[in-house]
Amino acid sequence: TVSVASGGTVHPTVIARCAAPGTMYLIVWGGSGTSPGTTLAPGLTVPINQDFLTQLGLATVNGPWLQSFFGVLDAQGLGRATFALPAATGLPVTPGHFAALLVDPSLGFTGVSNPVSILLGP
């Protein structure tokens, strides 16, 4: 939970030990549920229904709010990010989810994670 009134920080972590070190990842955000999700390619659906939070996240990826939401996995298959929400942003109190996508520069999207809940609370 992160307070929309007073702000806060959480640290989403991508864990993809089966992926090669240096594989790129992108963490996406949504507030409209996880089903049916968004199809990226045949057989590959990220469990995020796109909405204004998704668009906000993609527009500001790796900015002050969504630090390291696009990056590369380390030698242990980990990607560490920071969601740093400032106080009084005007965002609504709402439940949401983060999910990660694995990206290969030549193959495109190669994997997705399970959704992880986040609550923008009072």
N, C-alpha and C. Protein backbone atom coordinates (compact mmCIF):
# COMPACT_ATOMS: atom_id res chain seq x y z
N THR A 1 0.84 -1.19 0.00
CA THR A 1 0.00 0.00 0.00
C THR A 1 0.88 1.24 0.00
N VAL A 2 0.49 2.19 -0.83
CA VAL A 2 1.14 3.50 -0.86
C VAL A 2 0.06 4.55 -0.70
N SER A 3 0.26 5.49 0.19
CA SER A 3 -0.73 6.53 0.45
C SER A 3 -0.68 7.61 -0.62
N VAL A 4 -1.86 7.91 -1.21
CA VAL A 4 -1.91 9.00 -2.18
C VAL A 4 -1.83 10.35 -1.47
N ALA A 5 -2.17 10.40 -0.18
CA ALA A 5 -2.12 11.65 0.57
C ALA A 5 -0.69 12.00 1.00
N SER A 6 0.01 11.01 1.59
CA SER A 6 1.34 11.30 2.13
C SER A 6 2.48 10.74 1.30
N GLY A 7 2.17 9.97 0.25
CA GLY A 7 3.22 9.40 -0.59
C GLY A 7 3.83 8.16 0.04
N GLY A 8 4.74 7.57 -0.66
CA GLY A 8 5.41 6.39 -0.15
C GLY A 8 6.20 5.69 -1.24
N THR A 9 6.90 4.63 -0.84
CA THR A 9 7.79 3.91 -1.74
C THR A 9 7.61 2.41 -1.57
N VAL A 10 7.58 1.70 -2.69
CA VAL A 10 7.63 0.23 -2.69
C VAL A 10 8.68 -0.18 -3.71
N HIS A 11 9.17 -1.41 -3.58
CA HIS A 11 10.27 -1.89 -4.41
C HIS A 11 9.88 -3.17 -5.15
N PRO A 12 9.20 -3.05 -6.31
CA PRO A 12 8.89 -4.25 -7.08
C PRO A 12 10.18 -4.91 -7.56
N THR A 13 10.21 -6.24 -7.51
CA THR A 13 11.38 -6.99 -7.95
C THR A 13 10.95 -8.02 -8.98
N VAL A 14 11.63 -8.01 -10.11
CA VAL A 14 11.41 -9.02 -11.14
C VAL A 14 12.32 -10.19 -10.81
N ILE A 15 11.74 -11.39 -10.74
CA ILE A 15 12.53 -12.60 -10.48
C ILE A 15 12.33 -13.53 -11.67
N ALA A 16 13.38 -13.66 -12.49
CA ALA A 16 13.33 -14.50 -13.68
C ALA A 16 14.65 -15.27 -13.79
N ARG A 17 14.85 -16.17 -12.85
CA ARG A 17 16.12 -16.90 -12.77
C ARG A 17 16.40 -17.74 -14.02
N CYS A 18 15.36 -18.10 -14.78
CA CYS A 18 15.56 -18.90 -15.99
C CYS A 18 15.97 -18.05 -17.18
N ALA A 19 15.86 -16.72 -17.07
CA ALA A 19 16.24 -15.83 -18.17
C ALA A 19 17.73 -15.56 -18.14
N ALA A 20 18.28 -15.27 -19.27
CA ALA A 20 19.71 -14.96 -19.37
C ALA A 20 20.01 -13.62 -18.71
N PRO A 21 21.14 -13.53 -18.01
CA PRO A 21 21.54 -12.22 -17.48
C PRO A 21 21.59 -11.21 -18.63
N GLY A 22 21.14 -10.00 -18.36
CA GLY A 22 21.12 -8.98 -19.38
C GLY A 22 19.82 -8.93 -20.17
N THR A 23 18.91 -9.89 -19.93
CA THR A 23 17.59 -9.83 -20.56
C THR A 23 16.89 -8.56 -20.07
N MET A 24 16.26 -7.86 -20.98
CA MET A 24 15.54 -6.64 -20.61
C MET A 24 14.19 -6.98 -19.99
N TYR A 25 13.74 -6.13 -19.08
CA TYR A 25 12.41 -6.27 -18.50
C TYR A 25 11.71 -4.91 -18.52
N LEU A 26 10.38 -4.96 -18.51
CA LEU A 26 9.54 -3.78 -18.39
C LEU A 26 8.44 -4.11 -17.40
N ILE A 27 8.30 -3.30 -16.37
CA ILE A 27 7.21 -3.48 -15.41
C ILE A 27 6.09 -2.52 -15.82
N VAL A 28 4.88 -3.08 -15.95
CA VAL A 28 3.73 -2.27 -16.32
C VAL A 28 2.76 -2.20 -15.13
N TRP A 29 1.92 -1.17 -15.15
CA TRP A 29 1.03 -0.86 -14.04
C TRP A 29 -0.38 -0.73 -14.58
N GLY A 30 -1.33 -1.21 -13.84
CA GLY A 30 -2.72 -1.05 -14.23
C GLY A 30 -3.63 -1.02 -13.02
N GLY A 31 -4.78 -0.39 -13.18
CA GLY A 31 -5.76 -0.31 -12.10
C GLY A 31 -7.12 -0.84 -12.49
N SER A 32 -7.18 -1.57 -13.60
CA SER A 32 -8.47 -2.07 -14.11
C SER A 32 -8.54 -3.59 -14.13
N GLY A 33 -7.83 -4.23 -13.24
CA GLY A 33 -7.90 -5.68 -13.14
C GLY A 33 -6.87 -6.40 -14.00
N THR A 34 -6.93 -7.72 -13.91
CA THR A 34 -5.92 -8.56 -14.55
C THR A 34 -6.48 -9.49 -15.62
N SER A 35 -7.79 -9.55 -15.74
CA SER A 35 -8.38 -10.47 -16.71
C SER A 35 -9.34 -9.69 -17.59
N PRO A 36 -9.26 -9.82 -18.88
CA PRO A 36 -8.56 -10.84 -19.65
C PRO A 36 -7.08 -10.55 -19.87
N GLY A 37 -6.61 -9.36 -19.50
CA GLY A 37 -5.22 -9.00 -19.73
C GLY A 37 -5.04 -8.42 -21.12
N THR A 38 -3.77 -8.21 -21.48
CA THR A 38 -3.44 -7.61 -22.76
C THR A 38 -2.57 -8.59 -23.55
N THR A 39 -3.05 -9.02 -24.69
CA THR A 39 -2.29 -9.97 -25.51
C THR A 39 -1.16 -9.24 -26.20
N LEU A 40 0.06 -9.79 -26.04
CA LEU A 40 1.25 -9.20 -26.66
C LEU A 40 1.63 -9.93 -27.93
N ALA A 41 1.42 -11.23 -27.93
CA ALA A 41 1.74 -12.10 -29.06
C ALA A 41 0.91 -13.36 -28.86
N PRO A 42 0.77 -14.18 -29.89
CA PRO A 42 0.03 -15.43 -29.70
C PRO A 42 0.59 -16.24 -28.53
N GLY A 43 -0.29 -16.56 -27.58
CA GLY A 43 0.13 -17.33 -26.41
C GLY A 43 0.82 -16.54 -25.32
N LEU A 44 0.89 -15.22 -25.46
CA LEU A 44 1.59 -14.39 -24.46
C LEU A 44 0.71 -13.20 -24.09
N THR A 45 0.13 -13.27 -22.88
CA THR A 45 -0.77 -12.23 -22.39
C THR A 45 -0.25 -11.70 -21.07
N VAL A 46 -0.06 -10.40 -20.98
CA VAL A 46 0.34 -9.78 -19.71
C VAL A 46 -0.94 -9.56 -18.90
N PRO A 47 -0.94 -9.93 -17.61
CA PRO A 47 -2.16 -9.84 -16.81
C PRO A 47 -2.45 -8.43 -16.29
N ILE A 48 -2.55 -7.50 -17.23
CA ILE A 48 -2.88 -6.11 -16.93
C ILE A 48 -3.89 -5.65 -17.97
N ASN A 49 -5.01 -5.12 -17.53
CA ASN A 49 -5.95 -4.47 -18.44
C ASN A 49 -5.51 -3.02 -18.56
N GLN A 50 -5.21 -2.59 -19.75
CA GLN A 50 -4.68 -1.24 -19.95
C GLN A 50 -5.70 -0.18 -19.54
N ASP A 51 -5.18 0.88 -18.93
CA ASP A 51 -6.00 2.01 -18.50
C ASP A 51 -5.11 3.23 -18.36
N PHE A 52 -5.62 4.28 -17.70
CA PHE A 52 -4.83 5.50 -17.59
C PHE A 52 -3.57 5.29 -16.76
N LEU A 53 -3.57 4.37 -15.78
CA LEU A 53 -2.36 4.10 -15.01
C LEU A 53 -1.30 3.44 -15.89
N THR A 54 -1.73 2.57 -16.78
CA THR A 54 -0.79 1.93 -17.71
C THR A 54 -0.16 2.99 -18.60
N GLN A 55 -0.98 3.86 -19.16
CA GLN A 55 -0.47 4.91 -20.04
C GLN A 55 0.44 5.89 -19.28
N LEU A 56 0.06 6.24 -18.05
CA LEU A 56 0.90 7.11 -17.22
C LEU A 56 2.24 6.44 -16.96
N GLY A 57 2.21 5.15 -16.62
CA GLY A 57 3.45 4.43 -16.35
C GLY A 57 4.36 4.33 -17.55
N LEU A 58 3.78 4.02 -18.71
CA LEU A 58 4.61 3.92 -19.92
C LEU A 58 5.18 5.27 -20.34
N ALA A 59 4.42 6.33 -20.10
CA ALA A 59 4.88 7.67 -20.47
C ALA A 59 5.98 8.18 -19.54
N THR A 60 6.03 7.65 -18.31
CA THR A 60 7.00 8.16 -17.33
C THR A 60 7.97 7.09 -16.84
N VAL A 61 8.08 5.99 -17.60
CA VAL A 61 8.96 4.89 -17.18
C VAL A 61 10.39 5.41 -16.95
N ASN A 62 10.98 4.94 -15.86
CA ASN A 62 12.32 5.31 -15.42
C ASN A 62 12.44 6.78 -15.02
N GLY A 63 11.31 7.42 -14.78
CA GLY A 63 11.32 8.77 -14.24
C GLY A 63 11.34 8.71 -12.72
N PRO A 64 11.08 9.81 -12.04
CA PRO A 64 11.18 9.83 -10.59
C PRO A 64 10.17 8.92 -9.87
N TRP A 65 9.00 8.67 -10.47
CA TRP A 65 8.01 7.80 -9.83
C TRP A 65 8.31 6.33 -10.08
N LEU A 66 8.71 5.98 -11.29
CA LEU A 66 8.86 4.58 -11.72
C LEU A 66 10.32 4.30 -12.07
N GLN A 67 11.15 4.29 -11.05
CA GLN A 67 12.59 4.14 -11.23
C GLN A 67 12.94 2.69 -11.56
N SER A 68 13.71 2.50 -12.61
CA SER A 68 14.17 1.18 -13.06
C SER A 68 13.00 0.25 -13.42
N PHE A 69 11.89 0.81 -13.89
CA PHE A 69 10.78 -0.02 -14.36
C PHE A 69 11.10 -0.60 -15.74
N PHE A 70 12.10 -0.07 -16.41
CA PHE A 70 12.65 -0.67 -17.62
C PHE A 70 14.13 -0.84 -17.35
N GLY A 71 14.62 -2.08 -17.44
CA GLY A 71 16.02 -2.33 -17.13
C GLY A 71 16.45 -3.69 -17.63
N VAL A 72 17.57 -4.15 -17.10
CA VAL A 72 18.10 -5.46 -17.47
C VAL A 72 18.27 -6.32 -16.22
N LEU A 73 18.03 -7.60 -16.39
CA LEU A 73 18.21 -8.54 -15.27
C LEU A 73 19.68 -8.67 -14.94
N ASP A 74 19.97 -8.83 -13.66
CA ASP A 74 21.36 -9.03 -13.25
C ASP A 74 21.76 -10.50 -13.40
N ALA A 75 22.93 -10.85 -12.93
CA ALA A 75 23.45 -12.22 -13.09
C ALA A 75 22.61 -13.26 -12.37
N GLN A 76 21.82 -12.85 -11.38
CA GLN A 76 20.94 -13.77 -10.65
C GLN A 76 19.52 -13.79 -11.23
N GLY A 77 19.29 -13.09 -12.33
CA GLY A 77 17.96 -13.04 -12.94
C GLY A 77 17.01 -12.11 -12.23
N LEU A 78 17.54 -11.10 -11.56
CA LEU A 78 16.72 -10.15 -10.79
C LEU A 78 16.74 -8.77 -11.42
N GLY A 79 15.61 -8.11 -11.36
CA GLY A 79 15.49 -6.71 -11.75
C GLY A 79 14.84 -5.97 -10.60
N ARG A 80 15.51 -4.95 -10.12
CA ARG A 80 15.02 -4.23 -8.95
C ARG A 80 14.55 -2.83 -9.35
N ALA A 81 13.32 -2.51 -8.97
CA ALA A 81 12.72 -1.22 -9.33
C ALA A 81 12.25 -0.51 -8.07
N THR A 82 11.89 0.75 -8.23
CA THR A 82 11.35 1.55 -7.13
C THR A 82 10.16 2.34 -7.63
N PHE A 83 9.03 2.20 -6.92
CA PHE A 83 7.85 3.02 -7.16
C PHE A 83 7.82 4.04 -6.04
N ALA A 84 8.10 5.31 -6.37
CA ALA A 84 8.20 6.37 -5.37
C ALA A 84 7.11 7.41 -5.67
N LEU A 85 6.00 7.27 -4.98
CA LEU A 85 4.86 8.17 -5.20
C LEU A 85 4.98 9.36 -4.26
N PRO A 86 5.04 10.58 -4.82
CA PRO A 86 5.07 11.76 -3.96
C PRO A 86 3.72 12.01 -3.30
N ALA A 87 3.70 12.83 -2.30
CA ALA A 87 2.46 13.18 -1.61
C ALA A 87 1.57 14.02 -2.52
N ALA A 88 0.26 13.85 -2.33
CA ALA A 88 -0.76 14.70 -2.95
C ALA A 88 -0.62 14.82 -4.47
N THR A 89 -0.54 13.68 -5.16
CA THR A 89 -0.41 13.69 -6.62
C THR A 89 -1.74 13.91 -7.33
N GLY A 90 -2.84 13.70 -6.62
CA GLY A 90 -4.15 13.78 -7.24
C GLY A 90 -4.64 12.45 -7.79
N LEU A 91 -3.82 11.40 -7.68
CA LEU A 91 -4.26 10.07 -8.12
C LEU A 91 -5.37 9.58 -7.19
N PRO A 92 -6.32 8.83 -7.74
CA PRO A 92 -7.41 8.33 -6.89
C PRO A 92 -6.95 7.16 -6.01
N VAL A 93 -7.66 6.97 -4.91
CA VAL A 93 -7.48 5.77 -4.09
C VAL A 93 -8.02 4.61 -4.92
N THR A 94 -7.17 3.65 -5.23
CA THR A 94 -7.58 2.56 -6.11
C THR A 94 -6.65 1.36 -5.96
N PRO A 95 -7.20 0.16 -6.10
CA PRO A 95 -6.32 -1.01 -6.16
C PRO A 95 -5.68 -1.08 -7.55
N GLY A 96 -4.55 -1.74 -7.63
CA GLY A 96 -3.88 -1.89 -8.91
C GLY A 96 -2.95 -3.08 -8.90
N HIS A 97 -2.23 -3.24 -9.99
CA HIS A 97 -1.30 -4.35 -10.14
C HIS A 97 -0.08 -3.91 -10.94
N PHE A 98 1.04 -4.54 -10.64
CA PHE A 98 2.23 -4.47 -11.47
C PHE A 98 2.41 -5.85 -12.10
N ALA A 99 2.96 -5.90 -13.29
CA ALA A 99 3.36 -7.15 -13.93
C ALA A 99 4.58 -6.85 -14.78
N ALA A 100 5.45 -7.83 -14.92
CA ALA A 100 6.68 -7.64 -15.69
C ALA A 100 6.62 -8.39 -17.00
N LEU A 101 7.28 -7.82 -18.00
CA LEU A 101 7.43 -8.44 -19.30
C LEU A 101 8.93 -8.62 -19.55
N LEU A 102 9.31 -9.74 -20.10
CA LEU A 102 10.69 -9.95 -20.51
C LEU A 102 10.78 -9.62 -21.99
N VAL A 103 11.87 -8.96 -22.38
CA VAL A 103 12.02 -8.47 -23.74
C VAL A 103 13.38 -8.90 -24.29
N ASP A 104 13.35 -9.52 -25.47
CA ASP A 104 14.57 -9.84 -26.21
C ASP A 104 14.63 -8.88 -27.39
N PRO A 105 15.75 -8.18 -27.59
CA PRO A 105 15.82 -7.18 -28.66
C PRO A 105 15.49 -7.74 -30.05
N SER A 106 15.80 -9.00 -30.31
CA SER A 106 15.52 -9.55 -31.63
C SER A 106 14.22 -10.33 -31.70
N LEU A 107 13.76 -10.89 -30.56
CA LEU A 107 12.55 -11.71 -30.56
C LEU A 107 11.31 -10.97 -30.08
N GLY A 108 11.48 -9.84 -29.44
CA GLY A 108 10.35 -9.12 -28.86
C GLY A 108 10.03 -9.63 -27.47
N PHE A 109 8.76 -9.62 -27.10
CA PHE A 109 8.35 -10.07 -25.78
C PHE A 109 8.51 -11.59 -25.69
N THR A 110 9.15 -12.06 -24.61
CA THR A 110 9.40 -13.50 -24.47
C THR A 110 8.80 -14.10 -23.22
N GLY A 111 8.30 -13.29 -22.30
CA GLY A 111 7.71 -13.82 -21.08
C GLY A 111 6.99 -12.74 -20.30
N VAL A 112 6.11 -13.18 -19.42
CA VAL A 112 5.39 -12.26 -18.53
C VAL A 112 5.35 -12.86 -17.14
N SER A 113 5.19 -12.01 -16.15
CA SER A 113 5.10 -12.46 -14.76
C SER A 113 3.64 -12.56 -14.33
N ASN A 114 3.45 -13.05 -13.14
CA ASN A 114 2.15 -12.97 -12.48
C ASN A 114 1.92 -11.53 -12.05
N PRO A 115 0.67 -11.11 -11.87
CA PRO A 115 0.43 -9.77 -11.35
C PRO A 115 0.72 -9.71 -9.85
N VAL A 116 1.16 -8.55 -9.41
CA VAL A 116 1.43 -8.29 -8.00
C VAL A 116 0.56 -7.09 -7.60
N SER A 117 -0.21 -7.24 -6.53
CA SER A 117 -1.14 -6.20 -6.10
C SER A 117 -0.43 -5.01 -5.48
N ILE A 118 -0.98 -3.83 -5.74
CA ILE A 118 -0.58 -2.61 -5.06
C ILE A 118 -1.85 -1.81 -4.81
N LEU A 119 -1.94 -1.20 -3.66
CA LEU A 119 -3.09 -0.38 -3.33
C LEU A 119 -2.64 1.06 -3.19
N LEU A 120 -3.23 1.95 -3.97
CA LEU A 120 -3.06 3.38 -3.72
C LEU A 120 -4.13 3.72 -2.70
N GLY A 121 -3.69 3.88 -1.46
CA GLY A 121 -4.62 4.05 -0.36
C GLY A 121 -4.73 5.50 0.10
N PRO A 122 -5.60 5.72 1.07
CA PRO A 122 -5.80 7.09 1.57
C PRO A 122 -4.59 7.63 2.28
